[in-house]
Every structure is written in C-alpha cells, then in structure tokens.
C-alpha cells in the first residue's frame, strides 16, 4: 500500500516542526558544542546536522525549480543509488564553512522552501511534477524530504541522536563539584 502523502499545509507544518525542534536543540548548545563530532556514532557534529538538513531542503528547491520548467530534476538521475556518497560529499563541503555561516545558509534555505510551498496551490501539489510524470508533486517532494518516519519527516531521523548529544553536553555531572558560598 502506498504511503499517504500529507496535504500541502500539513507538509509545511511537519517541515516547520522538525526545523523548530532541531533549532531549539542547537540553540541550547554552547558554541564549542556545535562542532564536536559525537552524533551518529561519532561521525557528525550538530553543525553537520544543520548542514545536512539544509542540503536536502536545497535539493527540494532544485527539484521544484526544474519541475516548474517542466524538466526532470537534474540531480535525481543516480542520486538514490548514491545517497551515502552524496551525504558524505555534502558533509565535507559544509565542514569548510563556519558554524554561523552554516546556520545562516540553512535558515535562508529553509525560509525559501517555506515561501515556495506556501505560495504553491493545492492543485499544483496534487498534479504530477512534470507533464510526463505520474506521481503528484507533493509525493515527489515528500520523497526528497523523507525519513524513516515518512514523507517530510527527515528531521525526525536525526532528532533522537541530537537530543541525546545536547543532553550530554548541557547536563551538569551529578556530584561533580563542591558548592561554594560567598
């Protein structure tokens, strides 16, 4: 059975909620905590998670741009067979940027995606992405922004590990110091 694709408005809410949850966790970290590679078996930092989410939102925007020109998404050919390689390449590219720059770019990409989705009609959401396509645009976009929890739930894939890391970094050790008085 095919997975139910949310309405355009519901997809926007899911994307916004995921972004807000990641942002709230990131905002709790001290600046040095952003670059500690202790997330996802020690491979990723919080900065990497931000960049990764932005990468896939940027891919969604690229797809929308191509589909608006009635062309197939240029990046799609071969992408799904090389997701890990794409993620590694994009991760390496993002690591060359400062944490503030990654956050700035991620926020700008996220806002652009929300603007595009908000301006889109429900009819466009339900019609094929291109004149030669079969799947509705919303379904195709949901696949780009998906995670194990379903369409548009990419953030959910990273929240558990990010939460655990933030708790580890921001929770003081139990019995770790002496109380002092003035």
Foldseek 3Di string as FASTA:
>chain_A
DDDDFDFLVVLLVLLVVLVVLLVVLVVLFDQVQQAQQDFPVSHDGSLLVLQLLLVLLVLLVQQLVQLVVQHGRPPPVCCVVCVVVVSVVSSVVSVVDHSVVSNVSSVVSSVVSSVVSVPDDSVQQQCPSHPPGDGRSSVVSQVSCDDPVGGSNNSVNRNVRSVVSSCVRNPDDVVPDDDDDD
